[in-house]
Amino acid sequence: MREPIWLSTLRLCASLLVAVAAIDAHAAGITGTYVARSGNAAFVLQVVEAGSQLTGRYEEFVAQPGDKFEDRIFAFSAAVDGDRFAGSIKDTGVLGSTIPVSGEVHGDIFRLEGSTTFHVAMKRGDLSEFQAGVTGLRGASSAKQRADAIEGLADRITAFEDRLAKATGRLPSLESLLAANTAKMASALDRERAIHGDGQRSVQRGQISVAIHQIGVDSSQARAAVDADQQDLHNSSTTISTQASLARVACVAKVGPNPLPVPATCPRFTVADASLRKSVDEGKTAFEKFDAVWDRESTAQDSLMKQADAAVN
């Protein structure tokens, strides 16, 4: 059966449209900008086609461990034959190396290969897409740095609380020591006063007086140990408090254009921060209690030492 004229005409038009599309695609050529993005890198190739030659600029921006970045720029040149090309990229650095490359171009996809480990497929796009990728990689690194810093602060808070707990945990025994020393000094003074007479008896009273003063030295050493703990804790708490103030701001959700994301480590810091405030309040109360005991016992001990000196003669 003969095909209707209208159907033959329709088929011809379709064939012509396909041919025109192919001509347009070829006319567009390879010239343009191609970009790609992977988990830790961004790539861009700006290329110009002139006859059977391709020339241009290839750049790769890579985020490396340790919050470091490598931005390498290469001069690109190649000979193209149909969809395939072969050439090289040359590092524009002082000691730039040349890497043989090859690949193919299919529509908007530009595939570049240089070795078994170097291959990237880029899509026709715009330089701003590459720049956005670089900004994203830098931002991700900055966010990681903030998260790591807040995580580290939470660790330091925990360590500080451990030191604070140990320091305040010693206070009750030191308070008992001060009271016991006062009692020992009073008992020794009674013995000193019970010794009457001159000569050897006076020497004995002097020996007891010296012993009473030695007990006072022991009490002063206990006070000095507590003062050292307080100074050490004060220095650490000042630094931690400053860092915690900054972390609290970082851990509050922001609004507005391009807000910084809240670090993932903030929940742990928030718990540690609340615990720190409670621990500091409890520590302050414990040290104030020790200070009150010290004031009472040191006053009594100073009086006993003076009485011991007077009882020698």
Protein backbone atom coordinates (compact mmCIF):
# COMPACT_ATOMS: atom_id res chain seq x y z
CA MET A 1 0.00 0.00 0.00
CA ARG A 2 1.36 3.38 -0.98
CA GLU A 3 2.20 5.79 1.95
CA PRO A 4 0.00 8.89 2.05
CA ILE A 5 1.66 12.06 0.82
CA TRP A 6 1.00 13.88 4.17
CA LEU A 7 2.84 11.13 6.11
CA SER A 8 5.83 11.26 3.76
CA THR A 9 5.91 15.03 4.18
CA LEU A 10 5.80 14.67 7.99
CA ARG A 11 8.69 12.20 7.96
CA LEU A 12 10.74 14.55 5.79
CA CYS A 13 10.12 17.47 8.17
CA ALA A 14 11.18 15.39 11.14
CA SER A 15 14.38 14.36 9.36
CA LEU A 16 15.12 17.99 8.54
CA LEU A 17 14.59 19.03 12.18
CA VAL A 18 17.05 16.39 13.37
CA ALA A 19 19.59 17.50 10.78
CA VAL A 20 19.18 21.17 11.77
CA ALA A 21 19.60 20.29 15.45
CA ALA A 22 22.80 18.41 14.66
CA ILE A 23 24.09 21.35 12.63
CA ASP A 24 23.24 23.77 15.46
CA ALA A 25 25.00 21.55 18.01
CA HIS A 26 28.09 21.40 15.82
CA ALA A 27 27.95 25.13 15.21
CA ALA A 28 27.89 25.74 18.97
CA GLY A 29 31.25 23.93 19.11
CA ILE A 30 33.33 23.06 22.13
CA THR A 31 34.22 26.63 23.11
CA GLY A 32 32.88 27.47 26.58
CA THR A 33 33.18 26.89 30.30
CA TYR A 34 32.82 23.47 31.89
CA VAL A 35 32.52 22.88 35.63
CA ALA A 36 32.32 19.97 38.07
CA ARG A 37 32.16 19.45 41.82
CA SER A 38 33.05 16.43 43.95
CA GLY A 39 32.93 15.93 47.69
CA ASN A 40 36.19 17.77 48.37
CA ALA A 41 37.02 19.51 45.09
CA ALA A 42 35.79 21.91 42.43
CA PHE A 43 36.94 21.96 38.79
CA VAL A 44 36.63 24.41 35.90
CA LEU A 45 37.85 24.35 32.29
CA GLN A 46 37.61 27.43 30.09
CA VAL A 47 38.36 26.32 26.53
CA VAL A 48 38.42 27.86 23.06
CA GLU A 49 38.13 25.81 19.87
CA ALA A 50 40.02 27.07 16.85
CA GLY A 51 39.86 24.66 13.94
CA SER A 52 41.26 21.38 15.18
CA GLN A 53 42.95 22.94 18.22
CA LEU A 54 41.69 23.42 21.76
CA THR A 55 43.38 25.86 24.16
CA GLY A 56 42.35 27.13 27.53
CA ARG A 57 42.71 27.22 31.28
CA TYR A 58 42.01 24.37 33.68
CA GLU A 59 41.77 24.92 37.46
CA GLU A 60 41.14 22.55 40.34
CA PHE A 61 40.51 23.57 43.94
CA VAL A 62 40.91 20.75 46.46
CA ALA A 63 40.16 20.73 50.20
CA GLN A 64 42.80 18.67 51.98
CA PRO A 65 43.02 17.20 55.50
CA GLY A 66 43.99 19.62 58.23
CA ASP A 67 41.77 22.42 56.85
CA LYS A 68 44.20 23.16 54.04
CA PHE A 69 43.45 23.93 50.40
CA GLU A 70 45.28 23.39 47.12
CA ASP A 71 44.42 25.62 44.18
CA ARG A 72 46.22 24.58 40.99
CA ILE A 73 45.95 26.27 37.60
CA PHE A 74 46.99 24.62 34.32
CA ALA A 75 47.35 25.74 30.72
CA PHE A 76 45.33 23.36 28.52
CA SER A 77 46.04 22.52 24.88
CA ALA A 78 44.89 19.66 22.69
CA ALA A 79 44.17 18.56 19.16
CA VAL A 80 40.57 17.59 18.53
CA ASP A 81 39.30 15.03 16.05
CA GLY A 82 35.56 14.78 16.05
CA ASP A 83 34.46 14.09 19.63
CA ARG A 84 37.90 12.97 20.75
CA PHE A 85 40.90 15.06 21.74
CA ALA A 86 44.45 14.50 22.97
CA GLY A 87 46.93 16.97 24.43
CA SER A 88 48.29 18.11 27.78
CA ILE A 89 47.80 20.32 30.79
CA LYS A 90 50.80 22.26 32.12
CA ASP A 91 50.99 23.49 35.70
CA THR A 92 51.51 27.27 35.62
CA GLY A 93 53.62 27.14 38.80
CA VAL A 94 57.37 27.85 38.84
CA LEU A 95 58.20 24.14 38.65
CA GLY A 96 55.10 23.29 36.70
CA SER A 97 54.83 19.79 35.31
CA THR A 98 53.14 18.71 32.11
CA ILE A 99 50.53 15.96 32.22
CA PRO A 100 49.38 14.19 29.03
CA VAL A 101 45.59 14.22 28.77
CA SER A 102 42.91 12.97 26.47
CA GLY A 103 39.16 12.68 26.49
CA GLU A 104 35.99 13.31 24.61
CA VAL A 105 33.19 15.83 24.32
CA HIS A 106 29.57 14.73 24.06
CA GLY A 107 27.07 17.56 23.99
CA ASP A 108 27.54 19.54 27.21
CA ILE A 109 29.83 16.96 28.83
CA PHE A 110 33.61 17.36 28.65
CA ARG A 111 35.52 14.31 29.87
CA LEU A 112 39.17 14.88 30.76
CA GLU A 113 41.51 12.00 31.62
CA GLY A 114 45.19 12.08 32.40
CA SER A 115 45.99 8.78 34.09
CA THR A 116 44.32 5.90 35.86
CA THR A 117 43.63 8.23 38.81
CA PHE A 118 43.01 11.54 37.01
CA HIS A 119 39.65 11.78 35.33
CA VAL A 120 36.91 14.35 35.65
CA ALA A 121 33.64 14.81 33.80
CA MET A 122 32.64 18.47 33.57
CA LYS A 123 29.37 19.94 32.38
CA ARG A 124 28.97 23.12 30.38
CA GLY A 125 28.23 25.89 32.83
CA ASP A 126 29.48 29.18 34.20
CA LEU A 127 32.55 30.36 36.08
CA SER A 128 30.30 31.51 38.91
CA GLU A 129 29.35 27.86 39.54
CA PHE A 130 33.01 27.01 40.13
CA GLN A 131 33.42 30.03 42.39
CA ALA A 132 30.35 28.97 44.35
CA GLY A 133 31.88 25.51 44.72
CA VAL A 134 35.11 27.01 46.09
CA THR A 135 33.12 29.15 48.52
CA GLY A 136 31.21 26.08 49.61
CA LEU A 137 34.39 24.11 50.25
CA ARG A 138 35.90 26.97 52.25
CA GLY A 139 32.67 27.36 54.18
CA ALA A 140 32.52 23.65 54.94
CA SER A 141 36.08 23.82 56.25
CA SER A 142 35.24 26.87 58.36
CA ALA A 143 32.17 25.10 59.73
CA LYS A 144 34.30 22.06 60.58
CA GLN A 145 36.82 24.28 62.34
CA ARG A 146 34.04 25.85 64.42
CA ALA A 147 32.58 22.46 65.22
CA ASP A 148 35.99 21.08 66.22
CA ALA A 149 36.71 24.15 68.36
CA ILE A 150 33.40 23.78 70.20
CA GLU A 151 34.00 20.06 70.64
CA GLY A 152 37.44 20.83 72.06
CA LEU A 153 35.92 23.40 74.42
CA ALA A 154 33.46 20.80 75.71
CA ASP A 155 36.42 18.50 76.38
CA ARG A 156 38.26 21.27 78.25
CA ILE A 157 35.16 22.01 80.32
CA THR A 158 34.96 18.35 81.34
CA ALA A 159 38.66 18.34 82.27
CA PHE A 160 38.23 21.57 84.24
CA GLU A 161 35.29 20.13 86.16
CA ASP A 162 37.39 17.09 87.05
CA ARG A 163 40.14 19.33 88.45
CA LEU A 164 37.61 21.46 90.29
CA ALA A 165 36.01 18.36 91.81
CA LYS A 166 39.39 17.08 93.01
CA ALA A 167 40.33 20.46 94.49
CA THR A 168 37.04 20.93 96.33
CA GLY A 169 37.04 17.27 97.35
CA ARG A 170 40.19 17.91 99.40
CA LEU A 171 38.70 20.84 101.29
CA PRO A 172 36.72 18.94 103.96
CA SER A 173 39.83 17.02 105.06
CA LEU A 174 41.84 20.25 105.15
CA GLU A 175 39.14 21.93 107.21
CA SER A 176 39.33 19.03 109.65
CA LEU A 177 43.11 19.33 109.68
CA LEU A 178 42.94 23.02 110.60
CA ALA A 179 40.53 22.32 113.46
CA ALA A 180 42.69 19.40 114.65
CA ASN A 181 45.79 21.60 114.54
CA THR A 182 44.09 24.20 116.67
CA ALA A 183 43.20 21.53 119.21
CA LYS A 184 46.79 20.18 119.21
CA MET A 185 48.18 23.66 119.75
CA ALA A 186 45.79 24.32 122.65
CA SER A 187 46.70 21.01 124.26
CA ALA A 188 50.41 21.72 123.83
CA LEU A 189 49.97 25.16 125.37
CA ASP A 190 48.33 23.57 128.41
CA ARG A 191 51.34 21.27 128.80
CA GLU A 192 53.72 24.19 128.39
CA ARG A 193 51.95 26.18 131.09
CA ALA A 194 52.04 23.18 133.43
CA ILE A 195 55.85 23.22 133.41
CA HIS A 196 57.17 25.60 136.06
CA GLY A 197 60.64 26.67 136.98
CA ASP A 198 63.83 27.87 135.31
CA GLY A 199 66.78 26.17 133.65
CA GLN A 200 65.90 22.88 132.01
CA ARG A 201 62.23 23.50 132.69
CA SER A 202 62.41 26.72 130.69
CA VAL A 203 64.09 24.81 127.84
CA GLN A 204 61.21 22.32 127.83
CA ARG A 205 58.67 25.13 127.59
CA GLY A 206 60.69 26.58 124.68
CA GLN A 207 60.64 23.25 122.88
CA ILE A 208 56.87 23.00 123.23
CA SER A 209 56.51 26.56 121.94
CA VAL A 210 58.58 25.65 118.87
CA ALA A 211 56.36 22.60 118.32
CA ILE A 212 53.25 24.80 118.50
CA HIS A 213 54.71 27.13 115.88
CA GLN A 214 55.49 24.12 113.65
CA ILE A 215 51.84 23.11 113.79
CA GLY A 216 51.02 26.64 112.66
CA VAL A 217 53.40 26.19 109.72
CA ASP A 218 51.58 23.00 108.76
CA SER A 219 48.31 24.93 108.73
CA SER A 220 49.84 27.67 106.58
CA GLN A 221 51.06 25.07 104.08
CA ALA A 222 47.53 23.68 103.83
CA ARG A 223 46.29 27.22 103.15
CA ALA A 224 48.99 27.72 100.50
CA ALA A 225 47.97 24.50 98.72
CA VAL A 226 44.36 25.67 98.57
CA ASP A 227 45.44 29.10 97.29
CA ALA A 228 47.46 27.42 94.51
CA ASP A 229 44.43 25.36 93.50
CA GLN A 230 42.23 28.46 93.47
CA GLN A 231 44.69 30.43 91.34
CA ASP A 232 45.09 27.60 88.86
CA LEU A 233 41.34 27.13 88.59
CA HIS A 234 40.77 30.86 88.29
CA ASN A 235 43.20 31.15 85.38
CA SER A 236 41.59 28.23 83.57
CA SER A 237 38.03 29.38 84.25
CA THR A 238 38.78 32.86 82.89
CA THR A 239 39.91 31.40 79.56
CA ILE A 240 37.08 28.89 79.41
CA SER A 241 34.48 31.53 80.28
CA THR A 242 35.65 33.74 77.41
CA GLN A 243 35.57 30.82 74.96
CA ALA A 244 32.19 29.67 76.26
CA SER A 245 30.70 33.13 75.66
CA LEU A 246 31.76 32.94 72.02
CA ALA A 247 30.51 29.36 71.69
CA ARG A 248 27.09 30.34 73.05
CA VAL A 249 26.77 32.90 70.26
CA ALA A 250 27.91 30.38 67.63
CA CYS A 251 25.37 27.85 68.91
CA VAL A 252 22.38 30.15 68.44
CA ALA A 253 20.58 29.76 65.10
CA LYS A 254 21.11 32.81 62.88
CA VAL A 255 18.67 34.54 60.56
CA GLY A 256 19.25 36.76 57.57
CA PRO A 257 21.17 36.28 54.32
CA ASN A 258 23.79 33.52 54.28
CA PRO A 259 23.57 32.65 57.98
CA LEU A 260 26.31 30.42 59.39
CA PRO A 261 24.99 26.95 60.26
CA VAL A 262 24.88 25.90 63.90
CA PRO A 263 27.80 23.48 64.49
CA ALA A 264 26.77 19.86 65.05
CA THR A 265 28.80 19.76 68.28
CA CYS A 266 26.69 22.47 69.94
CA PRO A 267 24.32 20.09 71.83
CA ARG A 268 27.24 18.54 73.70
CA PHE A 269 28.68 21.98 74.47
CA THR A 270 25.29 23.21 75.72
CA VAL A 271 25.13 20.33 78.20
CA ALA A 272 28.75 20.90 79.28
CA ASP A 273 28.17 24.64 79.63
CA ALA A 274 25.18 24.13 81.93
CA SER A 275 27.16 21.62 83.99
CA LEU A 276 30.09 24.06 84.18
CA ARG A 277 27.95 26.85 85.61
CA LYS A 278 26.58 24.51 88.26
CA SER A 279 30.04 23.19 89.11
CA VAL A 280 31.51 26.70 89.39
CA ASP A 281 28.72 27.79 91.74
CA GLU A 282 29.24 24.71 93.91
CA GLY A 283 33.02 25.21 93.84
CA LYS A 284 32.66 28.85 94.89
CA THR A 285 30.50 27.79 97.85
CA ALA A 286 33.04 25.13 98.86
CA PHE A 287 35.97 27.54 98.78
CA GLU A 288 34.02 30.18 100.68
CA LYS A 289 33.29 27.61 103.39
CA PHE A 290 36.99 26.74 103.60
CA ASP A 291 37.89 30.44 103.83
CA ALA A 292 35.50 30.81 106.78
CA VAL A 293 37.08 27.82 108.53
CA TRP A 294 40.55 29.20 107.82
CA ASP A 295 39.67 32.63 109.21
CA ARG A 296 38.35 31.07 112.40
CA GLU A 297 41.14 28.55 112.96
CA SER A 298 44.03 30.77 111.86
CA THR A 299 42.88 33.50 114.24
CA ALA A 300 42.78 30.99 117.09
CA GLN A 301 46.18 29.54 116.11
CA ASP A 302 47.83 32.98 115.92
CA SER A 303 46.59 33.66 119.45
CA LEU A 304 47.87 30.30 120.71
CA MET A 305 51.34 30.90 119.23
CA LYS A 306 51.56 34.27 120.92
CA GLN A 307 50.51 32.72 124.23
CA ALA A 308 53.09 29.93 123.74
CA ASP A 309 55.82 32.54 123.24
CA ALA A 310 54.74 34.36 126.38
CA ALA A 311 54.69 31.16 128.46
CA VAL A 312 58.32 30.33 127.73
CA ASN A 313 59.62 32.90 130.23
